Amino acid sequence: MRSDTMPSRRAVLGGLAAGLALGRGALAAGLPEVAVTKDPNCGCCEKWVAHMREAGFTVTVTEGPVNPVKARLGVPRDLASCHTAQVDGYVVEGHVPAGAIKRLLAVRPQGTGLAVPGMPVGSPGMEVDGMEPDTYEITLFGPEGRSAFARYRGGEPA
């Protein structure tokens, strides 16, 4: 027997859906924007952008030559990858997982940014069906030197 003061199932489900939508917007509002520069023909870069958006980041994409951007932002040649991003004063080079970027923003270490050199199999945007993901290091780099920031296997901390 249903009481007139009890909300209907439809009202409860509608409220939950609205709350989830608002929560997702609030999450994105709490994260800084990621500005990516990538080659217009790079599909793996598009997949990395999708990974970042799924993690709650708002991402803007500029397509064009990336090497001048890397040079201007101080990305060492041996740490280079296929795309370069900027987020809240840091540089993010290559297929750095969103979790590592969130940790970077929480810890705020001294440095220019993070890099995943090359294109490790299984890193966000580089997933290949039927291939085991690589284990790789994420490097914190800057004028003061370099250090290991995190170790990942595929998109997960190792």
N, C-alpha and C. Protein backbone atom coordinates (compact mmCIF):
# COMPACT_ATOMS: atom_id res chain seq x y z
N MET A 1 0.84 -1.17 0.00
CA MET A 1 0.00 0.00 0.00
C MET A 1 0.89 1.24 0.00
N ARG A 2 0.66 2.14 -0.92
CA ARG A 2 1.49 3.32 -1.12
C ARG A 2 0.89 4.51 -0.39
N SER A 3 1.75 5.24 0.31
CA SER A 3 1.33 6.43 1.01
C SER A 3 1.46 7.63 0.09
N ASP A 4 0.61 8.62 0.24
CA ASP A 4 0.69 9.83 -0.58
C ASP A 4 1.91 10.67 -0.24
N THR A 5 2.55 10.40 0.91
CA THR A 5 3.74 11.17 1.28
C THR A 5 5.03 10.49 0.80
N MET A 6 4.95 9.27 0.32
CA MET A 6 6.12 8.55 -0.19
C MET A 6 6.36 8.94 -1.64
N PRO A 7 7.59 9.24 -2.01
CA PRO A 7 7.86 9.56 -3.41
C PRO A 7 7.71 8.32 -4.29
N SER A 8 7.32 8.53 -5.52
CA SER A 8 7.18 7.41 -6.44
C SER A 8 8.56 6.90 -6.85
N ARG A 9 8.61 5.69 -7.35
CA ARG A 9 9.85 5.12 -7.84
C ARG A 9 10.42 5.99 -8.96
N ARG A 10 9.56 6.49 -9.82
CA ARG A 10 9.98 7.36 -10.92
C ARG A 10 10.63 8.64 -10.38
N ALA A 11 10.08 9.23 -9.34
CA ALA A 11 10.64 10.45 -8.76
C ALA A 11 12.00 10.18 -8.13
N VAL A 12 12.12 9.05 -7.44
CA VAL A 12 13.39 8.70 -6.81
C VAL A 12 14.46 8.48 -7.87
N LEU A 13 14.12 7.70 -8.92
CA LEU A 13 15.10 7.44 -9.98
C LEU A 13 15.47 8.72 -10.73
N GLY A 14 14.50 9.58 -10.96
CA GLY A 14 14.78 10.85 -11.61
C GLY A 14 15.70 11.71 -10.78
N GLY A 15 15.47 11.73 -9.47
CA GLY A 15 16.33 12.49 -8.57
C GLY A 15 17.75 11.95 -8.55
N LEU A 16 17.89 10.62 -8.56
CA LEU A 16 19.23 10.02 -8.59
C LEU A 16 19.95 10.37 -9.88
N ALA A 17 19.24 10.30 -11.00
CA ALA A 17 19.86 10.64 -12.29
C ALA A 17 20.29 12.09 -12.32
N ALA A 18 19.47 12.98 -11.80
CA ALA A 18 19.83 14.41 -11.76
C ALA A 18 21.03 14.63 -10.85
N GLY A 19 21.05 13.94 -9.73
CA GLY A 19 22.18 14.07 -8.81
C GLY A 19 23.48 13.59 -9.42
N LEU A 20 23.42 12.48 -10.16
CA LEU A 20 24.62 11.98 -10.82
C LEU A 20 25.10 12.96 -11.88
N ALA A 21 24.18 13.52 -12.64
CA ALA A 21 24.56 14.49 -13.67
C ALA A 21 25.19 15.72 -13.04
N LEU A 22 24.60 16.21 -11.98
CA LEU A 22 25.17 17.38 -11.29
C LEU A 22 26.51 17.05 -10.66
N GLY A 23 26.62 15.85 -10.10
CA GLY A 23 27.88 15.43 -9.48
C GLY A 23 29.00 15.36 -10.50
N ARG A 24 28.72 14.84 -11.69
CA ARG A 24 29.72 14.75 -12.75
C ARG A 24 30.16 16.15 -13.16
N GLY A 25 29.22 17.08 -13.25
CA GLY A 25 29.55 18.46 -13.59
C GLY A 25 30.38 19.11 -12.51
N ALA A 26 30.05 18.83 -11.26
CA ALA A 26 30.81 19.40 -10.15
C ALA A 26 32.22 18.84 -10.14
N LEU A 27 32.37 17.54 -10.46
CA LEU A 27 33.69 16.94 -10.51
C LEU A 27 34.53 17.63 -11.58
N ALA A 28 33.95 17.80 -12.77
CA ALA A 28 34.69 18.46 -13.85
C ALA A 28 35.01 19.90 -13.46
N ALA A 29 34.09 20.55 -12.75
CA ALA A 29 34.33 21.94 -12.35
C ALA A 29 35.48 22.03 -11.35
N GLY A 30 35.74 20.96 -10.58
CA GLY A 30 36.81 20.97 -9.61
C GLY A 30 38.17 20.67 -10.18
N LEU A 31 38.23 20.20 -11.41
CA LEU A 31 39.50 19.89 -12.06
C LEU A 31 39.86 20.99 -13.05
N PRO A 32 41.14 21.31 -13.15
CA PRO A 32 41.52 22.35 -14.11
C PRO A 32 41.40 21.84 -15.54
N GLU A 33 41.29 22.78 -16.46
CA GLU A 33 41.20 22.44 -17.87
C GLU A 33 42.54 21.91 -18.37
N VAL A 34 42.47 20.96 -19.28
CA VAL A 34 43.66 20.40 -19.92
C VAL A 34 43.66 20.91 -21.36
N ALA A 35 44.75 21.57 -21.75
CA ALA A 35 44.90 22.09 -23.12
C ALA A 35 45.92 21.22 -23.84
N VAL A 36 45.46 20.50 -24.86
CA VAL A 36 46.30 19.54 -25.58
C VAL A 36 46.65 20.08 -26.96
N THR A 37 47.90 19.90 -27.34
CA THR A 37 48.32 20.16 -28.72
C THR A 37 48.72 18.83 -29.32
N LYS A 38 48.13 18.52 -30.48
CA LYS A 38 48.38 17.22 -31.10
C LYS A 38 48.38 17.34 -32.62
N ASP A 39 48.98 16.35 -33.25
CA ASP A 39 48.95 16.25 -34.70
C ASP A 39 47.52 15.91 -35.12
N PRO A 40 47.00 16.52 -36.17
CA PRO A 40 45.61 16.25 -36.58
C PRO A 40 45.37 14.81 -37.04
N ASN A 41 46.41 14.08 -37.37
CA ASN A 41 46.24 12.72 -37.88
C ASN A 41 46.49 11.64 -36.84
N CYS A 42 46.63 12.01 -35.58
CA CYS A 42 47.00 11.04 -34.55
C CYS A 42 45.77 10.49 -33.82
N GLY A 43 45.47 9.23 -34.06
CA GLY A 43 44.33 8.58 -33.41
C GLY A 43 44.56 8.25 -31.95
N CYS A 44 45.79 7.90 -31.59
CA CYS A 44 46.06 7.56 -30.19
C CYS A 44 45.92 8.78 -29.30
N CYS A 45 46.21 9.96 -29.85
CA CYS A 45 46.04 11.19 -29.08
C CYS A 45 44.56 11.43 -28.78
N GLU A 46 43.72 11.15 -29.77
CA GLU A 46 42.27 11.29 -29.57
C GLU A 46 41.80 10.35 -28.47
N LYS A 47 42.35 9.14 -28.43
CA LYS A 47 41.97 8.18 -27.38
C LYS A 47 42.43 8.66 -26.01
N TRP A 48 43.61 9.30 -25.93
CA TRP A 48 44.07 9.84 -24.66
C TRP A 48 43.16 10.98 -24.21
N VAL A 49 42.75 11.83 -25.14
CA VAL A 49 41.81 12.92 -24.82
C VAL A 49 40.52 12.33 -24.26
N ALA A 50 40.01 11.26 -24.88
CA ALA A 50 38.79 10.61 -24.38
C ALA A 50 39.01 10.06 -22.97
N HIS A 51 40.18 9.47 -22.72
CA HIS A 51 40.52 8.97 -21.39
C HIS A 51 40.47 10.09 -20.35
N MET A 52 41.02 11.24 -20.70
CA MET A 52 41.03 12.38 -19.79
C MET A 52 39.61 12.88 -19.52
N ARG A 53 38.81 12.95 -20.55
CA ARG A 53 37.42 13.39 -20.38
C ARG A 53 36.64 12.41 -19.52
N GLU A 54 36.86 11.12 -19.73
CA GLU A 54 36.18 10.11 -18.90
C GLU A 54 36.58 10.23 -17.43
N ALA A 55 37.79 10.73 -17.18
CA ALA A 55 38.28 10.91 -15.81
C ALA A 55 37.77 12.20 -15.18
N GLY A 56 36.99 12.99 -15.94
CA GLY A 56 36.38 14.19 -15.38
C GLY A 56 37.01 15.50 -15.78
N PHE A 57 38.06 15.46 -16.59
CA PHE A 57 38.71 16.69 -17.03
C PHE A 57 37.97 17.30 -18.21
N THR A 58 37.97 18.62 -18.29
CA THR A 58 37.55 19.33 -19.49
C THR A 58 38.80 19.49 -20.33
N VAL A 59 38.73 19.10 -21.60
CA VAL A 59 39.91 19.10 -22.45
C VAL A 59 39.64 19.93 -23.69
N THR A 60 40.56 20.83 -24.01
CA THR A 60 40.52 21.55 -25.28
C THR A 60 41.67 21.03 -26.12
N VAL A 61 41.43 20.93 -27.42
CA VAL A 61 42.42 20.36 -28.33
C VAL A 61 42.77 21.38 -29.40
N THR A 62 44.07 21.57 -29.60
CA THR A 62 44.59 22.37 -30.70
C THR A 62 45.37 21.43 -31.60
N GLU A 63 45.02 21.40 -32.86
CA GLU A 63 45.72 20.54 -33.80
C GLU A 63 46.74 21.35 -34.57
N GLY A 64 47.93 20.83 -34.64
CA GLY A 64 48.99 21.53 -35.37
C GLY A 64 50.34 20.96 -35.00
N PRO A 65 51.40 21.63 -35.42
CA PRO A 65 52.76 21.15 -35.12
C PRO A 65 53.00 21.13 -33.61
N VAL A 66 53.48 19.99 -33.11
CA VAL A 66 53.69 19.86 -31.67
C VAL A 66 55.13 20.14 -31.24
N ASN A 67 56.10 19.96 -32.13
CA ASN A 67 57.50 20.15 -31.74
C ASN A 67 57.80 21.57 -31.26
N PRO A 68 57.28 22.61 -31.90
CA PRO A 68 57.53 23.96 -31.36
C PRO A 68 56.93 24.15 -29.96
N VAL A 69 55.80 23.51 -29.69
CA VAL A 69 55.16 23.59 -28.36
C VAL A 69 56.05 22.90 -27.33
N LYS A 70 56.54 21.71 -27.67
CA LYS A 70 57.42 20.97 -26.76
C LYS A 70 58.66 21.81 -26.42
N ALA A 71 59.26 22.41 -27.44
CA ALA A 71 60.47 23.22 -27.23
C ALA A 71 60.16 24.42 -26.34
N ARG A 72 59.05 25.10 -26.60
CA ARG A 72 58.67 26.29 -25.82
C ARG A 72 58.41 25.93 -24.36
N LEU A 73 57.85 24.74 -24.12
CA LEU A 73 57.49 24.34 -22.76
C LEU A 73 58.60 23.61 -22.03
N GLY A 74 59.72 23.36 -22.69
CA GLY A 74 60.86 22.74 -22.02
C GLY A 74 60.82 21.23 -21.91
N VAL A 75 60.15 20.56 -22.84
CA VAL A 75 60.11 19.09 -22.82
C VAL A 75 61.43 18.58 -23.42
N PRO A 76 62.22 17.83 -22.65
CA PRO A 76 63.46 17.28 -23.20
C PRO A 76 63.16 16.31 -24.35
N ARG A 77 64.01 16.32 -25.36
CA ARG A 77 63.78 15.48 -26.55
C ARG A 77 63.64 14.00 -26.20
N ASP A 78 64.44 13.52 -25.24
CA ASP A 78 64.38 12.08 -24.92
C ASP A 78 63.13 11.71 -24.12
N LEU A 79 62.35 12.68 -23.69
CA LEU A 79 61.09 12.40 -22.98
C LEU A 79 59.88 12.63 -23.88
N ALA A 80 60.11 13.00 -25.13
CA ALA A 80 59.02 13.37 -26.03
C ALA A 80 58.14 12.18 -26.40
N SER A 81 56.90 12.51 -26.70
CA SER A 81 55.92 11.55 -27.18
C SER A 81 55.14 12.23 -28.30
N CYS A 82 53.90 11.82 -28.50
CA CYS A 82 53.16 12.32 -29.66
C CYS A 82 52.30 13.54 -29.39
N HIS A 83 51.93 13.82 -28.16
CA HIS A 83 51.14 15.02 -27.87
C HIS A 83 51.64 15.67 -26.58
N THR A 84 51.33 16.94 -26.45
CA THR A 84 51.76 17.71 -25.29
C THR A 84 50.55 18.44 -24.73
N ALA A 85 50.42 18.42 -23.40
CA ALA A 85 49.29 19.09 -22.76
C ALA A 85 49.81 20.02 -21.67
N GLN A 86 48.96 20.96 -21.32
CA GLN A 86 49.23 21.87 -20.21
C GLN A 86 48.04 21.81 -19.27
N VAL A 87 48.33 21.72 -17.96
CA VAL A 87 47.26 21.67 -16.97
C VAL A 87 47.74 22.36 -15.69
N ASP A 88 47.08 23.41 -15.33
CA ASP A 88 47.31 24.12 -14.07
C ASP A 88 48.79 24.43 -13.81
N GLY A 89 49.49 24.91 -14.83
CA GLY A 89 50.88 25.29 -14.67
C GLY A 89 51.88 24.18 -14.93
N TYR A 90 51.43 22.99 -15.19
CA TYR A 90 52.31 21.86 -15.47
C TYR A 90 52.21 21.46 -16.94
N VAL A 91 53.27 20.81 -17.43
CA VAL A 91 53.29 20.21 -18.75
C VAL A 91 53.05 18.71 -18.58
N VAL A 92 52.26 18.14 -19.47
CA VAL A 92 52.03 16.69 -19.48
C VAL A 92 52.39 16.21 -20.87
N GLU A 93 53.43 15.38 -20.95
CA GLU A 93 53.94 14.90 -22.23
C GLU A 93 53.58 13.44 -22.42
N GLY A 94 52.81 13.16 -23.46
CA GLY A 94 52.52 11.78 -23.82
C GLY A 94 51.36 11.18 -23.07
N HIS A 95 51.37 9.85 -23.03
CA HIS A 95 50.23 9.07 -22.55
C HIS A 95 50.23 8.88 -21.03
N VAL A 96 50.27 9.97 -20.31
CA VAL A 96 50.25 9.96 -18.84
C VAL A 96 48.82 9.65 -18.39
N PRO A 97 48.63 8.64 -17.54
CA PRO A 97 47.28 8.32 -17.05
C PRO A 97 46.68 9.46 -16.22
N ALA A 98 45.37 9.59 -16.30
CA ALA A 98 44.65 10.64 -15.56
C ALA A 98 44.91 10.53 -14.06
N GLY A 99 45.02 9.33 -13.54
CA GLY A 99 45.29 9.15 -12.11
C GLY A 99 46.60 9.79 -11.69
N ALA A 100 47.61 9.68 -12.52
CA ALA A 100 48.91 10.30 -12.21
C ALA A 100 48.81 11.82 -12.27
N ILE A 101 48.00 12.33 -13.20
CA ILE A 101 47.83 13.78 -13.30
C ILE A 101 47.06 14.31 -12.08
N LYS A 102 46.06 13.59 -11.65
CA LYS A 102 45.33 14.00 -10.44
C LYS A 102 46.26 14.00 -9.23
N ARG A 103 47.13 13.01 -9.14
CA ARG A 103 48.11 12.98 -8.04
C ARG A 103 49.07 14.16 -8.15
N LEU A 104 49.54 14.47 -9.36
CA LEU A 104 50.41 15.63 -9.59
C LEU A 104 49.75 16.90 -9.06
N LEU A 105 48.47 17.08 -9.39
CA LEU A 105 47.76 18.28 -8.98
C LEU A 105 47.51 18.33 -7.48
N ALA A 106 47.40 17.17 -6.84
CA ALA A 106 47.19 17.11 -5.40
C ALA A 106 48.50 17.35 -4.64
N VAL A 107 49.59 16.76 -5.12
CA VAL A 107 50.88 16.83 -4.43
C VAL A 107 51.63 18.11 -4.78
N ARG A 108 51.49 18.57 -6.03
CA ARG A 108 52.12 19.78 -6.55
C ARG A 108 53.62 19.82 -6.32
N PRO A 109 54.36 18.81 -6.83
CA PRO A 109 55.81 18.81 -6.67
C PRO A 109 56.46 19.90 -7.51
N GLN A 110 57.67 20.28 -7.12
CA GLN A 110 58.41 21.26 -7.91
C GLN A 110 58.89 20.57 -9.18
N GLY A 111 58.58 21.15 -10.32
CA GLY A 111 59.00 20.60 -11.59
C GLY A 111 58.19 21.21 -12.71
N THR A 112 58.63 20.94 -13.91
CA THR A 112 57.93 21.44 -15.10
C THR A 112 56.70 20.59 -15.39
N GLY A 113 56.83 19.27 -15.26
CA GLY A 113 55.69 18.42 -15.55
C GLY A 113 56.04 16.95 -15.55
N LEU A 114 55.11 16.17 -16.11
CA LEU A 114 55.24 14.72 -16.19
C LEU A 114 55.39 14.29 -17.63
N ALA A 115 56.11 13.18 -17.83
CA ALA A 115 56.27 12.64 -19.17
C ALA A 115 56.24 11.12 -19.16
N VAL A 116 55.60 10.57 -20.18
CA VAL A 116 55.71 9.16 -20.51
C VAL A 116 56.32 9.15 -21.91
N PRO A 117 57.65 8.92 -21.98
CA PRO A 117 58.29 8.96 -23.29
C PRO A 117 57.83 7.81 -24.19
N GLY A 118 57.83 8.08 -25.48
CA GLY A 118 57.41 7.06 -26.42
C GLY A 118 55.92 6.80 -26.31
N MET A 119 55.54 5.59 -26.62
CA MET A 119 54.12 5.23 -26.64
C MET A 119 53.96 3.81 -26.09
N PRO A 120 54.06 3.61 -24.76
CA PRO A 120 53.99 2.26 -24.20
C PRO A 120 52.64 1.60 -24.47
N VAL A 121 52.69 0.34 -24.86
CA VAL A 121 51.48 -0.42 -25.11
C VAL A 121 50.67 -0.51 -23.83
N GLY A 122 49.39 -0.22 -23.92
CA GLY A 122 48.49 -0.31 -22.78
C GLY A 122 48.34 0.98 -22.01
N SER A 123 49.23 1.96 -22.26
CA SER A 123 49.03 3.26 -21.61
C SER A 123 47.77 3.89 -22.19
N PRO A 124 47.13 4.82 -21.48
CA PRO A 124 45.87 5.39 -21.98
C PRO A 124 46.01 5.93 -23.40
N GLY A 125 45.20 5.39 -24.29
CA GLY A 125 45.24 5.75 -25.70
C GLY A 125 46.05 4.78 -26.53
N MET A 126 46.83 3.94 -25.90
CA MET A 126 47.69 2.98 -26.61
C MET A 126 47.30 1.53 -26.34
N GLU A 127 46.06 1.32 -25.96
CA GLU A 127 45.59 -0.04 -25.70
C GLU A 127 45.53 -0.81 -27.03
N VAL A 128 46.04 -2.05 -27.01
CA VAL A 128 46.04 -2.88 -28.21
C VAL A 128 45.43 -4.23 -27.82
N ASP A 129 44.30 -4.58 -28.46
CA ASP A 129 43.65 -5.87 -28.18
C ASP A 129 44.62 -7.02 -28.38
N GLY A 130 44.65 -7.91 -27.41
CA GLY A 130 45.47 -9.11 -27.52
C GLY A 130 46.92 -8.92 -27.10
N MET A 131 47.31 -7.71 -26.74
CA MET A 131 48.70 -7.48 -26.31
C MET A 131 48.73 -7.13 -24.83
N GLU A 132 49.68 -7.73 -24.14
CA GLU A 132 49.88 -7.41 -22.73
C GLU A 132 50.36 -5.97 -22.59
N PRO A 133 49.85 -5.22 -21.61
CA PRO A 133 50.32 -3.84 -21.43
C PRO A 133 51.75 -3.80 -20.92
N ASP A 134 52.47 -2.78 -21.33
CA ASP A 134 53.82 -2.54 -20.84
C ASP A 134 53.78 -1.98 -19.43
N THR A 135 54.85 -2.17 -18.70
CA THR A 135 55.08 -1.48 -17.44
C THR A 135 56.03 -0.33 -17.76
N TYR A 136 55.71 0.86 -17.30
CA TYR A 136 56.49 2.04 -17.67
C TYR A 136 56.53 3.03 -16.51
N GLU A 137 57.53 3.90 -16.56
CA GLU A 137 57.68 4.93 -15.54
C GLU A 137 57.16 6.26 -16.06
N ILE A 138 56.59 7.02 -15.14
CA ILE A 138 56.20 8.39 -15.41
C ILE A 138 57.27 9.25 -14.75
N THR A 139 57.88 10.12 -15.54
CA THR A 139 59.00 10.93 -15.08
C THR A 139 58.54 12.35 -14.76
N LEU A 140 58.92 12.83 -13.58
CA LEU A 140 58.76 14.23 -13.23
C LEU A 140 60.04 14.92 -13.70
N PHE A 141 59.89 15.96 -14.52
CA PHE A 141 61.07 16.64 -15.06
C PHE A 141 60.98 18.14 -14.84
N GLY A 142 62.14 18.77 -14.87
CA GLY A 142 62.21 20.22 -14.73
C GLY A 142 63.65 20.67 -14.71
N PRO A 143 63.87 21.96 -14.53
CA PRO A 143 65.24 22.50 -14.51
C PRO A 143 66.10 21.88 -13.41
N GLU A 144 65.46 21.45 -12.33
CA GLU A 144 66.21 20.89 -11.21
C GLU A 144 66.56 19.43 -11.41
N GLY A 145 66.11 18.82 -12.51
CA GLY A 145 66.44 17.43 -12.79
C GLY A 145 65.22 16.59 -13.07
N ARG A 146 65.39 15.31 -12.88
CA ARG A 146 64.33 14.33 -13.15
C ARG A 146 64.22 13.35 -11.99
N SER A 147 63.02 12.82 -11.82
CA SER A 147 62.82 11.76 -10.84
C SER A 147 61.63 10.91 -11.27
N ALA A 148 61.61 9.69 -10.77
CA ALA A 148 60.48 8.80 -11.03
C ALA A 148 59.30 9.31 -10.21
N PHE A 149 58.18 9.54 -10.87
CA PHE A 149 56.98 10.03 -10.18
C PHE A 149 56.02 8.88 -9.89
N ALA A 150 55.93 7.94 -10.83
CA ALA A 150 55.03 6.80 -10.66
C ALA A 150 55.44 5.70 -11.63
N ARG A 151 54.97 4.51 -11.34
CA ARG A 151 55.19 3.36 -12.22
C ARG A 151 53.81 2.78 -12.51
N TYR A 152 53.53 2.55 -13.77
CA TYR A 152 52.23 2.04 -14.19
C TYR A 152 52.40 0.80 -15.06
N ARG A 153 51.39 -0.02 -15.05
CA ARG A 153 51.27 -1.14 -15.99
C ARG A 153 49.95 -0.91 -16.69
N GLY A 154 50.03 -0.59 -17.99
CA GLY A 154 48.81 -0.17 -18.69
C GLY A 154 48.33 1.12 -18.07
N GLY A 155 47.06 1.18 -17.74
CA GLY A 155 46.49 2.39 -17.13
C GLY A 155 46.42 2.34 -15.63
N GLU A 156 47.04 1.34 -15.01
CA GLU A 156 46.93 1.17 -13.55
C GLU A 156 48.29 1.28 -12.87
N PRO A 157 48.33 1.82 -11.64
CA PRO A 157 49.60 1.86 -10.91
C PRO A 157 50.18 0.46 -10.76
N ALA A 158 51.49 0.34 -10.92
CA ALA A 158 52.14 -0.98 -10.82
C ALA A 158 52.74 -1.18 -9.44
